[in-house]
């Protein structure tokens, strides 16, 4: 099951929830129990093969080896 980042529109609390994609619309704020939450889109790490490390973006574009 994936994790999603949310921000509550009522109190501004940011939180992460482990929830199925079909239940994302049922998420409530753990801080104030508000039902008006918006999903935040955050970056992710991407493995591009080999090495066992994780390639991350480098300054000036492109990817560093890992």
PDB file of N, CA and C in Angstrom:
ATOM      1  N   UNK A   1       0.849  -1.179   0.000  1.00  0.00           N
ATOM      2  CA  UNK A   1       0.000   0.000   0.000  1.00  0.00           C
ATOM      3  C   UNK A   1       0.896   1.244   0.000  1.00  0.00           C
ATOM      4  N   UNK A   2       0.593   2.221  -0.834  1.00  0.00           N
ATOM      5  CA  UNK A   2       1.437   3.413  -0.935  1.00  0.00           C
ATOM      6  C   UNK A   2       1.174   4.430   0.177  1.00  0.00           C
ATOM      7  N   UNK A   3       2.132   5.324   0.370  1.00  0.00           N
ATOM      8  CA  UNK A   3       1.953   6.436   1.305  1.00  0.00           C
ATOM      9  C   UNK A   3       1.677   7.700   0.498  1.00  0.00           C
ATOM     10  N   UNK A   4       0.878   8.577   1.046  1.00  0.00           N
ATOM     11  CA  UNK A   4       0.535   9.843   0.415  1.00  0.00           C
ATOM     12  C   UNK A   4       0.704  10.959   1.427  1.00  0.00           C
ATOM     13  N   UNK A   5       1.163  12.119   0.959  1.00  0.00           N
ATOM     14  CA  UNK A   5       1.307  13.303   1.798  1.00  0.00           C
ATOM     15  C   UNK A   5       0.089  14.191   1.593  1.00  0.00           C
ATOM     16  N   UNK A   6      -0.417  14.728   2.712  1.00  0.00           N
ATOM     17  CA  UNK A   6      -1.591  15.591   2.677  1.00  0.00           C
ATOM     18  C   UNK A   6      -1.352  16.841   3.520  1.00  0.00           C
ATOM     19  N   UNK A   7      -2.164  17.879   3.260  1.00  0.00           N
ATOM     20  CA  UNK A   7      -2.213  19.064   4.106  1.00  0.00           C
ATOM     21  C   UNK A   7      -3.677  19.361   4.381  1.00  0.00           C
ATOM     22  N   UNK A   8      -3.978  19.621   5.640  1.00  0.00           N
ATOM     23  CA  UNK A   8      -5.346  19.938   6.037  1.00  0.00           C
ATOM     24  C   UNK A   8      -5.652  21.384   5.659  1.00  0.00           C
ATOM     25  N   UNK A   9      -6.774  21.610   4.991  1.00  0.00           N
ATOM     26  CA  UNK A   9      -7.191  22.952   4.595  1.00  0.00           C
ATOM     27  C   UNK A   9      -7.713  23.739   5.796  1.00  0.00           C
ATOM     28  N   UNK A  10      -8.103  23.060   6.860  1.00  0.00           N
ATOM     29  CA  UNK A  10      -8.645  23.734   8.037  1.00  0.00           C
ATOM     30  C   UNK A  10      -7.553  24.229   8.979  1.00  0.00           C
ATOM     31  N   UNK A  11      -6.580  23.363   9.334  1.00  0.00           N
ATOM     32  CA  UNK A  11      -5.570  23.743  10.330  1.00  0.00           C
ATOM     33  C   UNK A  11      -4.167  23.842   9.749  1.00  0.00           C
ATOM     34  N   UNK A  12      -3.959  23.431   8.484  1.00  0.00           N
ATOM     35  CA  UNK A  12      -2.657  23.528   7.843  1.00  0.00           C
ATOM     36  C   UNK A  12      -1.683  22.415   8.184  1.00  0.00           C
ATOM     37  N   UNK A  13      -2.104  21.451   8.980  1.00  0.00           N
ATOM     38  CA  UNK A  13      -1.235  20.335   9.391  1.00  0.00           C
ATOM     39  C   UNK A  13      -0.857  19.488   8.178  1.00  0.00           C
ATOM     40  N   UNK A  14       0.459  19.172   8.049  1.00  0.00           N
ATOM     41  CA  UNK A  14       0.937  18.285   6.983  1.00  0.00           C
ATOM     42  C   UNK A  14       1.173  16.915   7.591  1.00  0.00           C
ATOM     43  N   UNK A  15       0.751  15.862   6.871  1.00  0.00           N
ATOM     44  CA  UNK A  15       0.882  14.510   7.391  1.00  0.00           C
ATOM     45  C   UNK A  15       0.977  13.504   6.255  1.00  0.00           C
ATOM     46  N   UNK A  16       1.498  12.328   6.585  1.00  0.00           N
ATOM     47  CA  UNK A  16       1.648  11.236   5.633  1.00  0.00           C
ATOM     48  C   UNK A  16       0.784  10.077   6.077  1.00  0.00           C
ATOM     49  N   UNK A  17       0.091   9.464   5.127  1.00  0.00           N
ATOM     50  CA  UNK A  17      -0.829   8.368   5.434  1.00  0.00           C
ATOM     51  C   UNK A  17      -0.530   7.173   4.530  1.00  0.00           C
ATOM     52  N   UNK A  18      -0.546   5.999   5.113  1.00  0.00           N
ATOM     53  CA  UNK A  18      -0.447   4.748   4.370  1.00  0.00           C
ATOM     54  C   UNK A  18      -1.882   4.317   4.084  1.00  0.00           C
ATOM     55  N   UNK A  19      -2.308   4.437   2.818  1.00  0.00           N
ATOM     56  CA  UNK A  19      -3.707   4.197   2.479  1.00  0.00           C
ATOM     57  C   UNK A  19      -3.806   3.713   1.027  1.00  0.00           C
ATOM     58  N   UNK A  20      -4.801   2.899   0.758  1.00  0.00           N
ATOM     59  CA  UNK A  20      -4.995   2.426  -0.614  1.00  0.00           C
ATOM     60  C   UNK A  20      -5.476   3.579  -1.492  1.00  0.00           C
ATOM     61  N   UNK A  21      -5.216   3.465  -2.774  1.00  0.00           N
ATOM     62  CA  UNK A  21      -5.592   4.531  -3.705  1.00  0.00           C
ATOM     63  C   UNK A  21      -7.106   4.749  -3.714  1.00  0.00           C
ATOM     64  N   UNK A  22      -7.870   3.704  -3.487  1.00  0.00           N
ATOM     65  CA  UNK A  22      -9.322   3.836  -3.504  1.00  0.00           C
ATOM     66  C   UNK A  22      -9.865   4.511  -2.246  1.00  0.00           C
ATOM     67  N   UNK A  23      -9.046   4.621  -1.197  1.00  0.00           N
ATOM     68  CA  UNK A  23      -9.497   5.242   0.054  1.00  0.00           C
ATOM     69  C   UNK A  23      -8.898   6.619   0.290  1.00  0.00           C
ATOM     70  N   UNK A  24      -8.156   7.170  -0.687  1.00  0.00           N
ATOM     71  CA  UNK A  24      -7.540   8.481  -0.513  1.00  0.00           C
ATOM     72  C   UNK A  24      -8.566   9.567  -0.208  1.00  0.00           C
ATOM     73  N   UNK A  25      -9.762   9.469  -0.781  1.00  0.00           N
ATOM     74  CA  UNK A  25     -10.782  10.494  -0.571  1.00  0.00           C
ATOM     75  C   UNK A  25     -11.440  10.408   0.806  1.00  0.00           C
ATOM     76  N   UNK A  26     -11.105   9.388   1.593  1.00  0.00           N
ATOM     77  CA  UNK A  26     -11.678   9.217   2.932  1.00  0.00           C
ATOM     78  C   UNK A  26     -10.733   9.659   4.047  1.00  0.00           C
ATOM     79  N   UNK A  27      -9.557  10.191   3.668  1.00  0.00           N
ATOM     80  CA  UNK A  27      -8.547  10.592   4.652  1.00  0.00           C
ATOM     81  C   UNK A  27      -9.010  11.829   5.419  1.00  0.00           C
ATOM     82  N   UNK A  28      -8.818  11.817   6.730  1.00  0.00           N
ATOM     83  CA  UNK A  28      -9.112  12.972   7.574  1.00  0.00           C
ATOM     84  C   UNK A  28      -7.846  13.398   8.304  1.00  0.00           C
ATOM     85  N   UNK A  29      -7.805  14.626   8.744  1.00  0.00           N
ATOM     86  CA  UNK A  29      -6.644  15.180   9.427  1.00  0.00           C
ATOM     87  C   UNK A  29      -6.504  14.554  10.819  1.00  0.00           C
ATOM     88  N   UNK A  30      -5.318  14.026  11.147  1.00  0.00           N
ATOM     89  CA  UNK A  30      -5.110  13.444  12.470  1.00  0.00           C
ATOM     90  C   UNK A  30      -4.990  14.510  13.559  1.00  0.00           C
ATOM     91  N   UNK A  31      -4.818  15.767  13.167  1.00  0.00           N
ATOM     92  CA  UNK A  31      -4.656  16.850  14.130  1.00  0.00           C
ATOM     93  C   UNK A  31      -5.998  17.438  14.578  1.00  0.00           C
ATOM     94  N   UNK A  32      -6.891  17.707  13.612  1.00  0.00           N
ATOM     95  CA  UNK A  32      -8.163  18.361  13.951  1.00  0.00           C
ATOM     96  C   UNK A  32      -9.386  17.584  13.471  1.00  0.00           C
ATOM     97  N   UNK A  33      -9.166  16.417  12.850  1.00  0.00           N
ATOM     98  CA  UNK A  33     -10.235  15.574  12.300  1.00  0.00           C
ATOM     99  C   UNK A  33     -10.960  16.236  11.116  1.00  0.00           C
ATOM    100  N   UNK A  34     -10.340  17.246  10.530  1.00  0.00           N
ATOM    101  CA  UNK A  34     -10.926  17.918   9.375  1.00  0.00           C
ATOM    102  C   UNK A  34     -11.026  16.975   8.186  1.00  0.00           C
ATOM    103  N   UNK A  35     -12.074  17.140   7.409  1.00  0.00           N
ATOM    104  CA  UNK A  35     -12.299  16.278   6.253  1.00  0.00           C
ATOM    105  C   UNK A  35     -11.851  16.915   4.951  1.00  0.00           C
ATOM    106  N   UNK A  36     -11.479  18.192   4.995  1.00  0.00           N
ATOM    107  CA  UNK A  36     -11.039  18.880   3.776  1.00  0.00           C
ATOM    108  C   UNK A  36      -9.506  18.858   3.747  1.00  0.00           C
ATOM    109  N   UNK A  37      -8.949  17.834   3.107  1.00  0.00           N
ATOM    110  CA  UNK A  37      -7.503  17.692   2.989  1.00  0.00           C
ATOM    111  C   UNK A  37      -7.128  17.674   1.516  1.00  0.00           C
ATOM    112  N   UNK A  38      -5.938  18.171   1.227  1.00  0.00           N
ATOM    113  CA  UNK A  38      -5.466  18.167  -0.164  1.00  0.00           C
ATOM    114  C   UNK A  38      -4.190  17.359  -0.244  1.00  0.00           C
ATOM    115  N   UNK A  39      -4.074  16.583  -1.296  1.00  0.00           N
ATOM    116  CA  UNK A  39      -2.889  15.760  -1.488  1.00  0.00           C
ATOM    117  C   UNK A  39      -1.742  16.630  -1.960  1.00  0.00           C
ATOM    118  N   UNK A  40      -0.565  16.411  -1.362  1.00  0.00           N
ATOM    119  CA  UNK A  40       0.645  17.113  -1.767  1.00  0.00           C
ATOM    120  C   UNK A  40       1.432  16.200  -2.683  1.00  0.00           C
ATOM    121  N   UNK A  41       2.024  16.764  -3.710  1.00  0.00           N
ATOM    122  CA  UNK A  41       2.836  15.976  -4.627  1.00  0.00           C
ATOM    123  C   UNK A  41       4.294  16.262  -4.316  1.00  0.00           C
ATOM    124  N   UNK A  42       5.005  15.235  -3.876  1.00  0.00           N
ATOM    125  CA  UNK A  42       6.393  15.374  -3.475  1.00  0.00           C
ATOM    126  C   UNK A  42       7.283  14.586  -4.423  1.00  0.00           C
ATOM    127  N   UNK A  43       8.569  14.830  -4.367  1.00  0.00           N
ATOM    128  CA  UNK A  43       9.521  14.128  -5.213  1.00  0.00           C
ATOM    129  C   UNK A  43       9.666  12.677  -4.781  1.00  0.00           C
ATOM    130  N   UNK A  44      10.335  11.912  -5.597  1.00  0.00           N
ATOM    131  CA  UNK A  44      10.569  10.519  -5.268  1.00  0.00           C
ATOM    132  C   UNK A  44      11.961  10.121  -5.734  1.00  0.00           C
ATOM    133  N   UNK A  45      12.485   9.099  -5.130  1.00  0.00           N
ATOM    134  CA  UNK A  45      13.782   8.572  -5.538  1.00  0.00           C
ATOM    135  C   UNK A  45      13.562   7.569  -6.658  1.00  0.00           C
ATOM    136  N   UNK A  46      14.492   7.544  -7.605  1.00  0.00           N
ATOM    137  CA  UNK A  46      14.364   6.643  -8.746  1.00  0.00           C
ATOM    138  C   UNK A  46      15.654   5.856  -8.895  1.00  0.00           C
ATOM    139  N   UNK A  47      15.538   4.551  -8.979  1.00  0.00           N
ATOM    140  CA  UNK A  47      16.697   3.706  -9.219  1.00  0.00           C
ATOM    141  C   UNK A  47      16.784   3.464 -10.723  1.00  0.00           C
ATOM    142  N   UNK A  48      17.950   3.742 -11.286  1.00  0.00           N
ATOM    143  CA  UNK A  48      18.095   3.606 -12.734  1.00  0.00           C
ATOM    144  C   UNK A  48      18.945   2.404 -13.119  1.00  0.00           C
ATOM    145  N   UNK A  49      19.204   1.525 -12.181  1.00  0.00           N
ATOM    146  CA  UNK A  49      19.908   0.285 -12.481  1.00  0.00           C
ATOM    147  C   UNK A  49      21.342   0.274 -12.002  1.00  0.00           C
ATOM    148  N   UNK A  50      21.842  -0.940 -11.757  1.00  0.00           N
ATOM    149  CA  UNK A  50      23.228  -1.149 -11.363  1.00  0.00           C
ATOM    150  C   UNK A  50      23.626  -0.497 -10.060  1.00  0.00           C
ATOM    151  N   UNK A  51      24.711  -0.935  -9.496  1.00  0.00           N
ATOM    152  CA  UNK A  51      25.355  -0.279  -8.385  1.00  0.00           C
ATOM    153  C   UNK A  51      24.745  -0.442  -7.010  1.00  0.00           C
ATOM    154  N   UNK A  52      23.483  -0.629  -6.880  1.00  0.00           N
ATOM    155  CA  UNK A  52      22.862  -0.772  -5.574  1.00  0.00           C
ATOM    156  C   UNK A  52      22.584   0.550  -4.878  1.00  0.00           C
ATOM    157  N   UNK A  53      22.992   1.675  -5.471  1.00  0.00           N
ATOM    158  CA  UNK A  53      22.710   2.984  -4.893  1.00  0.00           C
ATOM    159  C   UNK A  53      21.506   3.596  -5.569  1.00  0.00           C
ATOM    160  N   UNK A  54      21.183   4.767  -5.146  1.00  0.00           N
ATOM    161  CA  UNK A  54      20.037   5.455  -5.730  1.00  0.00           C
ATOM    162  C   UNK A  54      20.542   6.692  -6.450  1.00  0.00           C
ATOM    163  N   UNK A  55      20.173   6.873  -7.697  1.00  0.00           N
ATOM    164  CA  UNK A  55      20.610   8.031  -8.468  1.00  0.00           C
ATOM    165  C   UNK A  55      19.740   9.227  -8.129  1.00  0.00           C
ATOM    166  N   UNK A  56      20.386  10.336  -7.815  1.00  0.00           N
ATOM    167  CA  UNK A  56      19.684  11.552  -7.451  1.00  0.00           C
ATOM    168  C   UNK A  56      20.067  12.651  -8.441  1.00  0.00           C
ATOM    169  N   UNK A  57      19.166  13.598  -8.687  1.00  0.00           N
ATOM    170  CA  UNK A  57      19.492  14.691  -9.594  1.00  0.00           C
ATOM    171  C   UNK A  57      20.714  15.464  -9.094  1.00  0.00           C
ATOM    172  N   UNK A  58      21.568  15.906 -10.006  1.00  0.00           N
ATOM    173  CA  UNK A  58      22.751  16.674  -9.648  1.00  0.00           C
ATOM    174  C   UNK A  58      22.549  18.132 -10.047  1.00  0.00           C
ATOM    175  N   UNK A  59      23.366  19.004  -9.502  1.00  0.00           N
ATOM    176  CA  UNK A  59      23.309  20.398  -9.865  1.00  0.00           C
ATOM    177  C   UNK A  59      23.616  20.542 -11.353  1.00  0.00           C
ATOM    178  N   UNK A  60      22.836  21.290 -12.058  1.00  0.00           N
ATOM    179  CA  UNK A  60      23.072  21.489 -13.482  1.00  0.00           C
ATOM    180  C   UNK A  60      22.374  20.448 -14.353  1.00  0.00           C
ATOM    181  N   UNK A  61      21.546  19.610 -13.739  1.00  0.00           N
ATOM    182  CA  UNK A  61      20.804  18.623 -14.515  1.00  0.00           C
ATOM    183  C   UNK A  61      21.487  17.284 -14.568  1.00  0.00           C
ATOM    184  N   UNK A  62      20.851  16.326 -15.104  1.00  0.00           N
ATOM    185  CA  UNK A  62      21.392  14.979 -15.192  1.00  0.00           C
ATOM    186  C   UNK A  62      21.325  14.250 -13.859  1.00  0.00           C
ATOM    187  N   UNK A  63      21.939  13.099 -13.812  1.00  0.00           N
ATOM    188  CA  UNK A  63      21.899  12.283 -12.620  1.00  0.00           C
ATOM    189  C   UNK A  63      23.303  11.863 -12.245  1.00  0.00           C
ATOM    190  N   UNK A  64      23.560  11.795 -10.936  1.00  0.00           N
ATOM    191  CA  UNK A  64      24.849  11.314 -10.456  1.00  0.00           C
ATOM    192  C   UNK A  64      24.803   9.814 -10.332  1.00  0.00           C
ATOM    193  N   UNK A  65      25.913   9.165 -10.393  1.00  0.00           N
ATOM    194  CA  UNK A  65      25.963   7.707 -10.279  1.00  0.00           C
ATOM    195  C   UNK A  65      25.718   7.249  -8.863  1.00  0.00           C
ATOM    196  N   UNK A  66      25.283   6.017  -8.681  1.00  0.00           N
ATOM    197  CA  UNK A  66      25.002   5.544  -7.346  1.00  0.00           C
ATOM    198  C   UNK A  66      25.316   4.134  -7.144  1.00  0.00           C
TER     199      UNK A  66
END
